[in-house]
Amino acid sequence: MHANQRSITVTLHWQLNGTNHQSTIVCDDSPPRTLIPILATACGLPEAQYRLRAGAANRPALRKDISISAQGINDGSQLWLTDADPPQPTQLRCLIELSNHAVFFAPPAGISLTRAWLLRVLELLDPPAYRREITQLEQRNSPYRFVSNQEHCALRADQSGGWIVTSSRSDLITRLNHQPLAANRPTLLPEHAMLQLGEQGPELQLHLVPFVRI
C-alpha cells in the first residue's frame, strides 16, 4: 500500500483450475488497471487478460482507470476477478426472399407473418407482381390463399443471436425445409432455410446474415 493511500478490505472471488476460491484481502484504493496484475499474481492465475467485477461474476466490469472506491467499492464489498469479456454472439438479421425474388429484412423485433402483411410488402417491392397476385387471388389461383390473415407463424430473434420460427396454429401447415412445424414449439432457423406457409402456399427463402453497424 502506498503512503497516505486508503486501503479497502474486500472479499475477492476467483476461479483456478475449475475450482472457485475466495479470500478476504486488503487492497489499495487504486484503479483496476493497477490492481488486477497484483491480484492475479497473488491468486496464482496464469498471465492473461482479467476484469474486476462487483456483486457477481456476470456483472459489468469495473472501469479500468477509476479508483475502486469511486465505483462504489467499500469495506465488505464482494469482488470477482474474472476472465476478460467473452466474445459476444454475432447479431444476425433475417433476410426474407419472396417467390418473385423480392427481398426484405425482418424487423429486429421480429415479425408475424400474415397474408395481408406479405402482400403489403409485395406491393411495396414489386407492384406488378402484387397486381398479378391480387388477380390470381380473386380467381382462387394464388398460393397466398393458403396463408392465414391471422398470424400464420412468427419469426423472432433468439437470445443466442440467431432466429427462431414458431407456429401457434395446429390447423394450418407451416413447413421448414419441407418438415412440418409442431404448434407452439420454437424451432431454431439454420443459416439458409425454406419456409412454406400453408399446404400449397408460397415458399419463402430465409437467410441469416451478420448485422454490420455502420
C-alpha atoms as a PDB file:
ATOM      1  CA  MET A   1       0.000   0.000   0.000  1.00  0.00           C
ATOM      2  CA  HIS A   2       1.280   3.423  -0.914  1.00  0.00           C
ATOM      3  CA  ALA A   3       1.768   6.020   1.810  1.00  0.00           C
ATOM      4  CA  ASN A   4      -1.359   8.028   2.575  1.00  0.00           C
ATOM      5  CA  GLN A   5      -3.414   5.868   0.222  1.00  0.00           C
ATOM      6  CA  ARG A   6      -6.623   4.433   1.574  1.00  0.00           C
ATOM      7  CA  SER A   7      -6.891   0.666   1.955  1.00  0.00           C
ATOM      8  CA  ILE A   8     -10.124  -1.291   1.473  1.00  0.00           C
ATOM      9  CA  THR A   9     -10.988  -4.715   2.860  1.00  0.00           C
ATOM     10  CA  VAL A  10     -12.960  -6.806   0.372  1.00  0.00           C
ATOM     11  CA  THR A  11     -13.819 -10.434  -0.297  1.00  0.00           C
ATOM     12  CA  LEU A  12     -12.185 -11.486  -3.563  1.00  0.00           C
ATOM     13  CA  HIS A  13     -13.557 -14.369  -5.626  1.00  0.00           C
ATOM     14  CA  TRP A  14     -11.705 -16.116  -8.463  1.00  0.00           C
ATOM     15  CA  GLN A  15     -11.542 -19.431 -10.253  1.00  0.00           C
ATOM     16  CA  LEU A  16      -8.419 -21.544 -10.727  1.00  0.00           C
ATOM     17  CA  ASN A  17      -8.295 -24.937 -12.446  1.00  0.00           C
ATOM     18  CA  GLY A  18     -12.071 -25.120 -12.430  1.00  0.00           C
ATOM     19  CA  THR A  19     -12.333 -24.521  -8.668  1.00  0.00           C
ATOM     20  CA  ASN A  20     -13.901 -21.437  -7.088  1.00  0.00           C
ATOM     21  CA  HIS A  21     -11.851 -19.619  -4.466  1.00  0.00           C
ATOM     22  CA  GLN A  22     -12.430 -16.673  -2.195  1.00  0.00           C
ATOM     23  CA  SER A  23     -10.391 -14.759   0.339  1.00  0.00           C
ATOM     24  CA  THR A  24     -10.685 -11.609   2.432  1.00  0.00           C
ATOM     25  CA  ILE A  25      -7.953  -9.231   1.334  1.00  0.00           C
ATOM     26  CA  VAL A  26      -6.798  -5.676   1.986  1.00  0.00           C
ATOM     27  CA  CYS A  27      -6.012  -3.747  -1.182  1.00  0.00           C
ATOM     28  CA  ASP A  28      -5.150  -0.221  -2.192  1.00  0.00           C
ATOM     29  CA  ASP A  29      -7.909   2.073  -3.365  1.00  0.00           C
ATOM     30  CA  SER A  30      -6.447   2.026  -6.848  1.00  0.00           C
ATOM     31  CA  PRO A  31      -7.880   1.694 -10.355  1.00  0.00           C
ATOM     32  CA  PRO A  32      -8.440  -1.887 -11.576  1.00  0.00           C
ATOM     33  CA  ARG A  33      -5.689  -1.385 -14.169  1.00  0.00           C
ATOM     34  CA  THR A  34      -3.187  -1.247 -11.273  1.00  0.00           C
ATOM     35  CA  LEU A  35      -4.861  -3.794  -9.012  1.00  0.00           C
ATOM     36  CA  ILE A  36      -5.588  -6.592 -11.482  1.00  0.00           C
ATOM     37  CA  PRO A  37      -1.970  -7.683 -12.184  1.00  0.00           C
ATOM     38  CA  ILE A  38      -1.211  -7.706  -8.445  1.00  0.00           C
ATOM     39  CA  LEU A  39      -4.330  -9.684  -7.588  1.00  0.00           C
ATOM     40  CA  ALA A  40      -3.851 -12.164 -10.437  1.00  0.00           C
ATOM     41  CA  THR A  41      -0.298 -12.902  -9.300  1.00  0.00           C
ATOM     42  CA  ALA A  42      -1.378 -13.279  -5.668  1.00  0.00           C
ATOM     43  CA  CYS A  43      -4.128 -15.692  -6.708  1.00  0.00           C
ATOM     44  CA  GLY A  44      -1.729 -17.798  -8.775  1.00  0.00           C
ATOM     45  CA  LEU A  45      -3.569 -17.103 -12.009  1.00  0.00           C
ATOM     46  CA  PRO A  46      -1.774 -17.533 -15.346  1.00  0.00           C
ATOM     47  CA  GLU A  47      -0.866 -14.460 -17.332  1.00  0.00           C
ATOM     48  CA  ALA A  48      -3.969 -13.337 -19.228  1.00  0.00           C
ATOM     49  CA  GLN A  49      -6.498 -10.533 -19.515  1.00  0.00           C
ATOM     50  CA  TYR A  50      -8.742 -10.202 -16.449  1.00  0.00           C
ATOM     51  CA  ARG A  51     -11.555  -7.970 -15.254  1.00  0.00           C
ATOM     52  CA  LEU A  52     -12.767  -6.912 -11.791  1.00  0.00           C
ATOM     53  CA  ARG A  53     -16.493  -7.107 -11.192  1.00  0.00           C
ATOM     54  CA  ALA A  54     -18.568  -6.149  -8.175  1.00  0.00           C
ATOM     55  CA  GLY A  55     -21.547  -8.087  -6.815  1.00  0.00           C
ATOM     56  CA  ALA A  56     -21.376 -11.129  -9.117  1.00  0.00           C
ATOM     57  CA  ALA A  57     -19.164 -12.724 -11.744  1.00  0.00           C
ATOM     58  CA  ASN A  58     -21.605 -11.836 -14.513  1.00  0.00           C
ATOM     59  CA  ARG A  59     -21.921  -8.153 -13.649  1.00  0.00           C
ATOM     60  CA  PRO A  60     -20.364  -5.457 -15.862  1.00  0.00           C
ATOM     61  CA  ALA A  61     -16.643  -4.977 -15.311  1.00  0.00           C
ATOM     62  CA  LEU A  62     -15.380  -2.049 -13.257  1.00  0.00           C
ATOM     63  CA  ARG A  63     -13.832   0.756 -15.261  1.00  0.00           C
ATOM     64  CA  LYS A  64     -10.076   0.312 -15.557  1.00  0.00           C
ATOM     65  CA  ASP A  65      -8.864   3.842 -14.901  1.00  0.00           C
ATOM     66  CA  ILE A  66     -11.019   4.922 -11.949  1.00  0.00           C
ATOM     67  CA  SER A  67     -10.287   4.077  -8.305  1.00  0.00           C
ATOM     68  CA  ILE A  68     -12.459   1.303  -6.947  1.00  0.00           C
ATOM     69  CA  SER A  69     -13.920   3.489  -4.168  1.00  0.00           C
ATOM     70  CA  ALA A  70     -15.155   5.921  -6.826  1.00  0.00           C
ATOM     71  CA  GLN A  71     -17.026   2.953  -8.315  1.00  0.00           C
ATOM     72  CA  GLY A  72     -18.839   2.108  -5.085  1.00  0.00           C
ATOM     73  CA  ILE A  73     -16.355  -0.387  -3.610  1.00  0.00           C
ATOM     74  CA  ASN A  74     -16.027  -0.101   0.173  1.00  0.00           C
ATOM     75  CA  ASP A  75     -15.038  -2.280   3.114  1.00  0.00           C
ATOM     76  CA  GLY A  76     -17.013  -5.504   2.931  1.00  0.00           C
ATOM     77  CA  SER A  77     -17.626  -5.366  -0.834  1.00  0.00           C
ATOM     78  CA  GLN A  78     -17.548  -8.555  -2.893  1.00  0.00           C
ATOM     79  CA  LEU A  79     -15.215  -8.508  -5.909  1.00  0.00           C
ATOM     80  CA  TRP A  80     -14.806 -11.094  -8.656  1.00  0.00           C
ATOM     81  CA  LEU A  81     -11.602 -11.429 -10.652  1.00  0.00           C
ATOM     82  CA  THR A  82     -12.708 -12.998 -13.953  1.00  0.00           C
ATOM     83  CA  ASP A  83     -11.512 -13.616 -17.460  1.00  0.00           C
ATOM     84  CA  ALA A  84     -11.926 -10.790 -19.939  1.00  0.00           C
ATOM     85  CA  ASP A  85     -15.338 -10.459 -21.510  1.00  0.00           C
ATOM     86  CA  PRO A  86     -16.052 -13.381 -23.856  1.00  0.00           C
ATOM     87  CA  PRO A  87     -16.885 -12.543 -27.475  1.00  0.00           C
ATOM     88  CA  GLN A  88     -20.492 -11.504 -27.809  1.00  0.00           C
ATOM     89  CA  PRO A  89     -22.659 -13.631 -30.105  1.00  0.00           C
ATOM     90  CA  THR A  90     -22.810 -12.254 -33.620  1.00  0.00           C
ATOM     91  CA  GLN A  91     -26.033 -10.394 -34.247  1.00  0.00           C
ATOM     92  CA  LEU A  92     -27.825 -11.812 -37.256  1.00  0.00           C
ATOM     93  CA  ARG A  93     -30.570 -10.319 -39.392  1.00  0.00           C
ATOM     94  CA  CYS A  94     -33.159 -12.492 -41.106  1.00  0.00           C
ATOM     95  CA  LEU A  95     -33.385 -11.788 -44.841  1.00  0.00           C
ATOM     96  CA  ILE A  96     -36.656 -12.959 -46.397  1.00  0.00           C
ATOM     97  CA  GLU A  97     -36.893 -13.656 -50.115  1.00  0.00           C
ATOM     98  CA  LEU A  98     -40.356 -13.962 -51.645  1.00  0.00           C
ATOM     99  CA  SER A  99     -41.130 -16.297 -54.526  1.00  0.00           C
ATOM    100  CA  ASN A 100     -40.781 -13.426 -57.021  1.00  0.00           C
ATOM    101  CA  HIS A 101     -37.254 -12.791 -55.623  1.00  0.00           C
ATOM    102  CA  ALA A 102     -38.239  -9.586 -53.820  1.00  0.00           C
ATOM    103  CA  VAL A 103     -36.175  -9.421 -50.636  1.00  0.00           C
ATOM    104  CA  PHE A 104     -36.508  -7.617 -47.317  1.00  0.00           C
ATOM    105  CA  PHE A 105     -35.186  -7.843 -43.777  1.00  0.00           C
ATOM    106  CA  ALA A 106     -37.417  -8.958 -40.944  1.00  0.00           C
ATOM    107  CA  PRO A 107     -37.611  -6.184 -38.330  1.00  0.00           C
ATOM    108  CA  PRO A 108     -35.117  -6.682 -35.469  1.00  0.00           C
ATOM    109  CA  ALA A 109     -38.030  -7.067 -33.047  1.00  0.00           C
ATOM    110  CA  GLY A 110     -39.421  -9.935 -35.113  1.00  0.00           C
ATOM    111  CA  ILE A 111     -42.438 -10.338 -37.354  1.00  0.00           C
ATOM    112  CA  SER A 112     -45.794 -12.101 -37.504  1.00  0.00           C
ATOM    113  CA  LEU A 113     -46.291 -13.471 -40.999  1.00  0.00           C
ATOM    114  CA  THR A 114     -49.800 -12.966 -42.342  1.00  0.00           C
ATOM    115  CA  ARG A 115     -51.257 -12.866 -45.844  1.00  0.00           C
ATOM    116  CA  ALA A 116     -52.010  -9.146 -45.611  1.00  0.00           C
ATOM    117  CA  TRP A 117     -48.507  -8.312 -44.389  1.00  0.00           C
ATOM    118  CA  LEU A 118     -46.783 -10.312 -47.125  1.00  0.00           C
ATOM    119  CA  LEU A 119     -48.972  -8.800 -49.829  1.00  0.00           C
ATOM    120  CA  ARG A 120     -48.282  -5.324 -48.480  1.00  0.00           C
ATOM    121  CA  VAL A 121     -44.548  -5.958 -48.708  1.00  0.00           C
ATOM    122  CA  LEU A 122     -45.012  -7.341 -52.230  1.00  0.00           C
ATOM    123  CA  GLU A 123     -46.948  -4.214 -53.190  1.00  0.00           C
ATOM    124  CA  LEU A 124     -44.107  -2.001 -51.986  1.00  0.00           C
ATOM    125  CA  LEU A 125     -41.276  -4.018 -53.531  1.00  0.00           C
ATOM    126  CA  ASP A 126     -42.817  -5.263 -56.764  1.00  0.00           C
ATOM    127  CA  PRO A 127     -46.128  -3.587 -57.738  1.00  0.00           C
ATOM    128  CA  PRO A 128     -46.603  -5.613 -60.961  1.00  0.00           C
ATOM    129  CA  ALA A 129     -46.170  -8.889 -59.046  1.00  0.00           C
ATOM    130  CA  TYR A 130     -48.603  -7.625 -56.413  1.00  0.00           C
ATOM    131  CA  ARG A 131     -51.239  -6.865 -59.042  1.00  0.00           C
ATOM    132  CA  ARG A 132     -50.821 -10.333 -60.530  1.00  0.00           C
ATOM    133  CA  GLU A 133     -51.243 -11.946 -57.121  1.00  0.00           C
ATOM    134  CA  ILE A 134     -54.400  -9.940 -56.389  1.00  0.00           C
ATOM    135  CA  THR A 135     -55.892 -11.021 -59.721  1.00  0.00           C
ATOM    136  CA  GLN A 136     -54.959 -14.642 -59.029  1.00  0.00           C
ATOM    137  CA  LEU A 137     -56.398 -14.393 -55.511  1.00  0.00           C
ATOM    138  CA  GLU A 138     -59.707 -13.280 -56.977  1.00  0.00           C
ATOM    139  CA  GLN A 139     -59.533 -16.328 -59.246  1.00  0.00           C
ATOM    140  CA  ARG A 140     -58.544 -18.587 -56.329  1.00  0.00           C
ATOM    141  CA  ASN A 141     -55.264 -19.430 -58.078  1.00  0.00           C
ATOM    142  CA  SER A 142     -52.712 -17.607 -55.908  1.00  0.00           C
ATOM    143  CA  PRO A 143     -50.586 -19.589 -53.427  1.00  0.00           C
ATOM    144  CA  TYR A 144     -51.196 -16.732 -50.981  1.00  0.00           C
ATOM    145  CA  ARG A 145     -54.741 -18.048 -50.475  1.00  0.00           C
ATOM    146  CA  PHE A 146     -53.191 -20.713 -48.228  1.00  0.00           C
ATOM    147  CA  VAL A 147     -51.695 -18.077 -45.903  1.00  0.00           C
ATOM    148  CA  SER A 148     -53.785 -17.040 -42.905  1.00  0.00           C
ATOM    149  CA  ASN A 149     -54.970 -13.476 -42.483  1.00  0.00           C
ATOM    150  CA  GLN A 150     -54.248 -14.012 -38.799  1.00  0.00           C
ATOM    151  CA  GLU A 151     -50.745 -14.903 -37.650  1.00  0.00           C
ATOM    152  CA  HIS A 152     -49.625 -17.893 -39.670  1.00  0.00           C
ATOM    153  CA  CYS A 153     -46.252 -18.115 -37.932  1.00  0.00           C
ATOM    154  CA  ALA A 154     -43.737 -15.764 -36.357  1.00  0.00           C
ATOM    155  CA  LEU A 155     -40.036 -15.067 -36.724  1.00  0.00           C
ATOM    156  CA  ARG A 156     -38.183 -13.790 -33.676  1.00  0.00           C
ATOM    157  CA  ALA A 157     -34.573 -13.089 -32.758  1.00  0.00           C
ATOM    158  CA  ASP A 158     -33.113 -15.528 -30.262  1.00  0.00           C
ATOM    159  CA  GLN A 159     -31.011 -14.627 -27.205  1.00  0.00           C
ATOM    160  CA  SER A 160     -28.057 -16.514 -28.676  1.00  0.00           C
ATOM    161  CA  GLY A 161     -28.017 -14.156 -31.653  1.00  0.00           C
ATOM    162  CA  GLY A 162     -29.872 -16.491 -34.029  1.00  0.00           C
ATOM    163  CA  TRP A 163     -33.529 -16.572 -35.073  1.00  0.00           C
ATOM    164  CA  ILE A 164     -36.422 -18.887 -34.303  1.00  0.00           C
ATOM    165  CA  VAL A 165     -39.667 -19.642 -36.086  1.00  0.00           C
ATOM    166  CA  THR A 166     -42.830 -20.514 -34.174  1.00  0.00           C
ATOM    167  CA  SER A 167     -46.288 -21.507 -35.352  1.00  0.00           C
ATOM    168  CA  SER A 168     -49.124 -21.286 -32.862  1.00  0.00           C
ATOM    169  CA  ARG A 169     -51.536 -22.885 -35.335  1.00  0.00           C
ATOM    170  CA  SER A 170     -52.375 -26.581 -35.333  1.00  0.00           C
ATOM    171  CA  ASP A 171     -54.991 -26.046 -38.056  1.00  0.00           C
ATOM    172  CA  LEU A 172     -52.518 -24.743 -40.652  1.00  0.00           C
ATOM    173  CA  ILE A 173     -49.409 -26.233 -42.177  1.00  0.00           C
ATOM    174  CA  THR A 174     -46.080 -24.441 -41.853  1.00  0.00           C
ATOM    175  CA  ARG A 175     -43.043 -26.268 -43.222  1.00  0.00           C
ATOM    176  CA  LEU A 176     -39.388 -25.544 -42.519  1.00  0.00           C
ATOM    177  CA  ASN A 177     -37.172 -27.218 -45.112  1.00  0.00           C
ATOM    178  CA  HIS A 178     -40.125 -29.458 -46.028  1.00  0.00           C
ATOM    179  CA  GLN A 179     -40.681 -30.589 -42.420  1.00  0.00           C
ATOM    180  CA  PRO A 180     -43.961 -29.547 -40.718  1.00  0.00           C
ATOM    181  CA  LEU A 181     -43.566 -27.401 -37.632  1.00  0.00           C
ATOM    182  CA  ALA A 182     -45.235 -28.581 -34.454  1.00  0.00           C
ATOM    183  CA  ALA A 183     -47.558 -25.987 -32.943  1.00  0.00           C
ATOM    184  CA  ASN A 184     -46.081 -23.809 -30.192  1.00  0.00           C
ATOM    185  CA  ARG A 185     -42.633 -25.348 -30.481  1.00  0.00           C
ATOM    186  CA  PRO A 186     -39.979 -22.717 -31.307  1.00  0.00           C
ATOM    187  CA  THR A 187     -37.501 -24.004 -33.872  1.00  0.00           C
ATOM    188  CA  LEU A 188     -34.054 -22.548 -34.474  1.00  0.00           C
ATOM    189  CA  LEU A 189     -33.514 -21.402 -38.046  1.00  0.00           C
ATOM    190  CA  PRO A 190     -30.471 -22.716 -39.929  1.00  0.00           C
ATOM    191  CA  GLU A 191     -28.332 -20.253 -41.873  1.00  0.00           C
ATOM    192  CA  HIS A 192     -30.372 -20.877 -45.029  1.00  0.00           C
ATOM    193  CA  ALA A 193     -33.882 -22.283 -44.986  1.00  0.00           C
ATOM    194  CA  MET A 194     -37.095 -22.602 -46.936  1.00  0.00           C
ATOM    195  CA  LEU A 195     -40.316 -21.717 -45.128  1.00  0.00           C
ATOM    196  CA  GLN A 196     -43.609 -22.720 -46.734  1.00  0.00           C
ATOM    197  CA  LEU A 197     -46.810 -21.154 -45.461  1.00  0.00           C
ATOM    198  CA  GLY A 198     -49.820 -23.406 -45.978  1.00  0.00           C
ATOM    199  CA  GLU A 199     -50.333 -26.722 -47.750  1.00  0.00           C
ATOM    200  CA  GLN A 200     -49.584 -25.249 -51.182  1.00  0.00           C
ATOM    201  CA  GLY A 201     -48.679 -21.772 -50.041  1.00  0.00           C
ATOM    202  CA  PRO A 202     -45.778 -19.529 -51.017  1.00  0.00           C
ATOM    203  CA  GLU A 203     -42.240 -20.626 -50.290  1.00  0.00           C
ATOM    204  CA  LEU A 204     -40.053 -18.047 -48.575  1.00  0.00           C
ATOM    205  CA  GLN A 205     -36.285 -18.325 -48.656  1.00  0.00           C
ATOM    206  CA  LEU A 206     -34.745 -17.278 -45.331  1.00  0.00           C
ATOM    207  CA  HIS A 207     -31.107 -16.259 -44.956  1.00  0.00           C
ATOM    208  CA  LEU A 208     -29.382 -15.313 -41.696  1.00  0.00           C
ATOM    209  CA  VAL A 209     -26.758 -12.665 -42.371  1.00  0.00           C
ATOM    210  CA  PRO A 210     -24.425 -10.836 -39.969  1.00  0.00           C
ATOM    211  CA  PHE A 211     -25.576  -7.397 -38.897  1.00  0.00           C
ATOM    212  CA  VAL A 212     -22.942  -4.749 -39.520  1.00  0.00           C
ATOM    213  CA  ARG A 213     -23.364  -1.440 -37.686  1.00  0.00           C
ATOM    214  CA  ILE A 214     -22.028   1.474 -39.736  1.00  0.00           C
END
